[in-house]
Amino acid sequence: MKTVESSRMLSLALLFVFGICAQPAKAYSTGKDLQEWCSAAIDKQLQSGARAGLCVGFLDAFRQLSRMLPSQPNVKLECLPDGVGQEQFIRVILKYLDQHPEKLHLPAVQIVYDAANEVFPCPAAAK
């Protein structure tokens, strides 16, 4: 019963993460989209509230989903330390995108994964 419920929750979470950013012209949101949304979130521009909300929602969904997935050996979506707030996480993503403009075309979820693991690498598993 728990497995079915967990599977259902994971399916809903995936639909949320990928559905929140669905755009008719393309199959997924890119690093360029994420850069635009998260820049709006940092700038706190009133006219960019919707874009800022997409950034915050996307990153929050990523963080929550990464905690829902079962741990696999050597696979972890992210290892953000306790106390890393939303604004700091947004700044990490923006800095990563600034340092890697060649990745702007990649899926936004890949950018978040790469940035989080570069800045906050998971500790090596004890052997």
C-alpha atoms as a PDB file:
ATOM      1  CA  MET A   1       0.000   0.000   0.000  1.00  0.00           C
ATOM      2  CA  LYS A   2       2.802   2.417   0.909  1.00  0.00           C
ATOM      3  CA  THR A   3       4.587   1.657  -2.363  1.00  0.00           C
ATOM      4  CA  VAL A   4       1.492   2.518  -4.385  1.00  0.00           C
ATOM      5  CA  GLU A   5       1.020   5.748  -2.430  1.00  0.00           C
ATOM      6  CA  SER A   6       4.700   6.661  -2.788  1.00  0.00           C
ATOM      7  CA  SER A   7       4.542   5.956  -6.494  1.00  0.00           C
ATOM      8  CA  ARG A   8       1.429   8.085  -6.820  1.00  0.00           C
ATOM      9  CA  MET A   9       3.082  10.949  -4.902  1.00  0.00           C
ATOM     10  CA  LEU A  10       6.189  10.724  -7.094  1.00  0.00           C
ATOM     11  CA  SER A  11       4.064  10.781 -10.246  1.00  0.00           C
ATOM     12  CA  LEU A  12       2.201  13.849  -9.024  1.00  0.00           C
ATOM     13  CA  ALA A  13       5.446  15.570  -8.074  1.00  0.00           C
ATOM     14  CA  LEU A  14       6.953  14.888 -11.497  1.00  0.00           C
ATOM     15  CA  LEU A  15       3.823  16.190 -13.186  1.00  0.00           C
ATOM     16  CA  PHE A  16       4.051  19.316 -11.050  1.00  0.00           C
ATOM     17  CA  VAL A  17       7.740  19.924 -11.746  1.00  0.00           C
ATOM     18  CA  PHE A  18       7.436  19.430 -15.473  1.00  0.00           C
ATOM     19  CA  GLY A  19       3.926  20.805 -15.818  1.00  0.00           C
ATOM     20  CA  ILE A  20       4.634  24.079 -14.024  1.00  0.00           C
ATOM     21  CA  CYS A  21       7.064  25.045 -16.723  1.00  0.00           C
ATOM     22  CA  ALA A  22       5.246  23.648 -19.729  1.00  0.00           C
ATOM     23  CA  GLN A  23       5.309  25.949 -22.693  1.00  0.00           C
ATOM     24  CA  PRO A  24       3.593  25.180 -25.979  1.00  0.00           C
ATOM     25  CA  ALA A  25       6.635  25.998 -28.150  1.00  0.00           C
ATOM     26  CA  LYS A  26       9.055  23.536 -26.563  1.00  0.00           C
ATOM     27  CA  ALA A  27       9.149  20.305 -24.626  1.00  0.00           C
ATOM     28  CA  TYR A  28      10.914  21.634 -21.525  1.00  0.00           C
ATOM     29  CA  SER A  29      12.184  24.772 -19.831  1.00  0.00           C
ATOM     30  CA  THR A  30      15.829  25.609 -20.378  1.00  0.00           C
ATOM     31  CA  GLY A  31      18.633  27.223 -18.449  1.00  0.00           C
ATOM     32  CA  LYS A  32      17.852  30.437 -20.326  1.00  0.00           C
ATOM     33  CA  ASP A  33      14.270  30.333 -19.008  1.00  0.00           C
ATOM     34  CA  LEU A  34      15.538  29.650 -15.504  1.00  0.00           C
ATOM     35  CA  GLN A  35      18.007  32.531 -15.755  1.00  0.00           C
ATOM     36  CA  GLU A  36      15.200  34.911 -16.735  1.00  0.00           C
ATOM     37  CA  TRP A  37      12.865  33.703 -13.987  1.00  0.00           C
ATOM     38  CA  CYS A  38      15.479  33.688 -11.235  1.00  0.00           C
ATOM     39  CA  SER A  39      16.860  37.088 -12.226  1.00  0.00           C
ATOM     40  CA  ALA A  40      13.330  38.427 -11.796  1.00  0.00           C
ATOM     41  CA  ALA A  41      13.125  36.775  -8.368  1.00  0.00           C
ATOM     42  CA  ILE A  42      16.352  38.433  -7.207  1.00  0.00           C
ATOM     43  CA  ASP A  43      15.450  41.805  -8.740  1.00  0.00           C
ATOM     44  CA  LYS A  44      12.036  41.595  -7.049  1.00  0.00           C
ATOM     45  CA  GLN A  45      10.508  43.481  -9.959  1.00  0.00           C
ATOM     46  CA  LEU A  46       6.789  43.901  -9.448  1.00  0.00           C
ATOM     47  CA  GLN A  47       6.074  43.525 -13.161  1.00  0.00           C
ATOM     48  CA  SER A  48       8.049  40.245 -13.187  1.00  0.00           C
ATOM     49  CA  GLY A  49       6.133  38.589 -10.365  1.00  0.00           C
ATOM     50  CA  ALA A  50       4.972  35.670 -12.486  1.00  0.00           C
ATOM     51  CA  ARG A  51       8.500  34.910 -13.699  1.00  0.00           C
ATOM     52  CA  ALA A  52       9.852  35.183 -10.149  1.00  0.00           C
ATOM     53  CA  GLY A  53       7.142  32.771  -9.030  1.00  0.00           C
ATOM     54  CA  LEU A  54       8.206  30.276 -11.694  1.00  0.00           C
ATOM     55  CA  CYS A  55      11.767  30.351 -10.359  1.00  0.00           C
ATOM     56  CA  VAL A  56      10.772  29.928  -6.730  1.00  0.00           C
ATOM     57  CA  GLY A  57       8.240  27.224  -7.570  1.00  0.00           C
ATOM     58  CA  PHE A  58      10.641  25.321  -9.813  1.00  0.00           C
ATOM     59  CA  LEU A  59      13.440  25.302  -7.238  1.00  0.00           C
ATOM     60  CA  ASP A  60      11.092  24.431  -4.383  1.00  0.00           C
ATOM     61  CA  ALA A  61       9.643  21.532  -6.384  1.00  0.00           C
ATOM     62  CA  PHE A  62      13.167  20.312  -7.184  1.00  0.00           C
ATOM     63  CA  ARG A  63      14.193  20.409  -3.531  1.00  0.00           C
ATOM     64  CA  GLN A  64      11.047  18.642  -2.359  1.00  0.00           C
ATOM     65  CA  LEU A  65      11.201  16.017  -5.077  1.00  0.00           C
ATOM     66  CA  SER A  66      14.844  15.273  -4.282  1.00  0.00           C
ATOM     67  CA  ARG A  67      13.846  14.491  -0.706  1.00  0.00           C
ATOM     68  CA  MET A  68      10.994  12.213  -1.807  1.00  0.00           C
ATOM     69  CA  LEU A  69      13.034   9.960  -4.054  1.00  0.00           C
ATOM     70  CA  PRO A  70      14.566   6.922  -2.410  1.00  0.00           C
ATOM     71  CA  SER A  71      18.307   7.110  -1.912  1.00  0.00           C
ATOM     72  CA  GLN A  72      20.328   5.023  -4.302  1.00  0.00           C
ATOM     73  CA  PRO A  73      24.015   4.202  -3.863  1.00  0.00           C
ATOM     74  CA  ASN A  74      26.067   7.094  -5.265  1.00  0.00           C
ATOM     75  CA  VAL A  75      22.956   8.912  -6.534  1.00  0.00           C
ATOM     76  CA  LYS A  76      21.546  11.940  -4.777  1.00  0.00           C
ATOM     77  CA  LEU A  77      19.712  14.809  -6.398  1.00  0.00           C
ATOM     78  CA  GLU A  78      21.184  17.377  -4.066  1.00  0.00           C
ATOM     79  CA  CYS A  79      22.849  17.759  -0.695  1.00  0.00           C
ATOM     80  CA  LEU A  80      21.979  21.303   0.303  1.00  0.00           C
ATOM     81  CA  PRO A  81      23.013  21.902   3.896  1.00  0.00           C
ATOM     82  CA  ASP A  82      20.360  22.933   6.377  1.00  0.00           C
ATOM     83  CA  GLY A  83      19.978  26.674   6.452  1.00  0.00           C
ATOM     84  CA  VAL A  84      20.450  27.308   2.723  1.00  0.00           C
ATOM     85  CA  GLY A  85      17.534  29.592   2.021  1.00  0.00           C
ATOM     86  CA  GLN A  86      15.640  30.146  -1.189  1.00  0.00           C
ATOM     87  CA  GLU A  87      17.448  33.390  -2.081  1.00  0.00           C
ATOM     88  CA  GLN A  88      20.868  31.808  -1.580  1.00  0.00           C
ATOM     89  CA  PHE A  89      19.871  28.831  -3.718  1.00  0.00           C
ATOM     90  CA  ILE A  90      18.611  31.177  -6.454  1.00  0.00           C
ATOM     91  CA  ARG A  91      21.929  33.063  -6.370  1.00  0.00           C
ATOM     92  CA  VAL A  92      23.820  29.757  -6.684  1.00  0.00           C
ATOM     93  CA  ILE A  93      21.807  28.894  -9.800  1.00  0.00           C
ATOM     94  CA  LEU A  94      22.335  32.345 -11.346  1.00  0.00           C
ATOM     95  CA  LYS A  95      26.069  32.298 -10.632  1.00  0.00           C
ATOM     96  CA  TYR A  96      26.343  28.830 -12.164  1.00  0.00           C
ATOM     97  CA  LEU A  97      24.525  30.040 -15.293  1.00  0.00           C
ATOM     98  CA  ASP A  98      26.771  33.119 -15.506  1.00  0.00           C
ATOM     99  CA  GLN A  99      29.841  30.871 -15.303  1.00  0.00           C
ATOM    100  CA  HIS A 100      28.465  28.348 -17.814  1.00  0.00           C
ATOM    101  CA  PRO A 101      26.639  30.264 -20.578  1.00  0.00           C
ATOM    102  CA  GLU A 102      27.260  27.327 -22.912  1.00  0.00           C
ATOM    103  CA  LYS A 103      24.680  25.368 -20.877  1.00  0.00           C
ATOM    104  CA  LEU A 104      21.777  27.798 -21.261  1.00  0.00           C
ATOM    105  CA  HIS A 105      20.144  25.484 -23.803  1.00  0.00           C
ATOM    106  CA  LEU A 106      20.054  22.513 -21.405  1.00  0.00           C
ATOM    107  CA  PRO A 107      16.906  21.525 -19.506  1.00  0.00           C
ATOM    108  CA  ALA A 108      16.366  23.674 -16.412  1.00  0.00           C
ATOM    109  CA  VAL A 109      16.217  20.624 -14.167  1.00  0.00           C
ATOM    110  CA  GLN A 110      19.689  19.574 -15.392  1.00  0.00           C
ATOM    111  CA  ILE A 111      21.036  23.052 -14.609  1.00  0.00           C
ATOM    112  CA  VAL A 112      19.660  22.942 -11.065  1.00  0.00           C
ATOM    113  CA  TYR A 113      21.055  19.445 -10.532  1.00  0.00           C
ATOM    114  CA  ASP A 114      24.503  20.387 -11.853  1.00  0.00           C
ATOM    115  CA  ALA A 115      24.684  23.663  -9.926  1.00  0.00           C
ATOM    116  CA  ALA A 116      23.539  22.132  -6.642  1.00  0.00           C
ATOM    117  CA  ASN A 117      26.018  19.273  -6.915  1.00  0.00           C
ATOM    118  CA  GLU A 118      28.901  21.545  -7.898  1.00  0.00           C
ATOM    119  CA  VAL A 119      28.385  23.998  -5.038  1.00  0.00           C
ATOM    120  CA  PHE A 120      27.033  21.587  -2.420  1.00  0.00           C
ATOM    121  CA  PRO A 121      28.528  18.182  -3.269  1.00  0.00           C
ATOM    122  CA  CYS A 122      27.213  15.228  -1.347  1.00  0.00           C
ATOM    123  CA  PRO A 123      29.655  13.747   1.140  1.00  0.00           C
ATOM    124  CA  ALA A 124      31.371  10.572  -0.043  1.00  0.00           C
ATOM    125  CA  ALA A 125      29.695   7.428   1.207  1.00  0.00           C
ATOM    126  CA  ALA A 126      31.493   5.816   4.130  1.00  0.00           C
ATOM    127  CA  LYS A 127      33.097   2.531   3.122  1.00  0.00           C
END
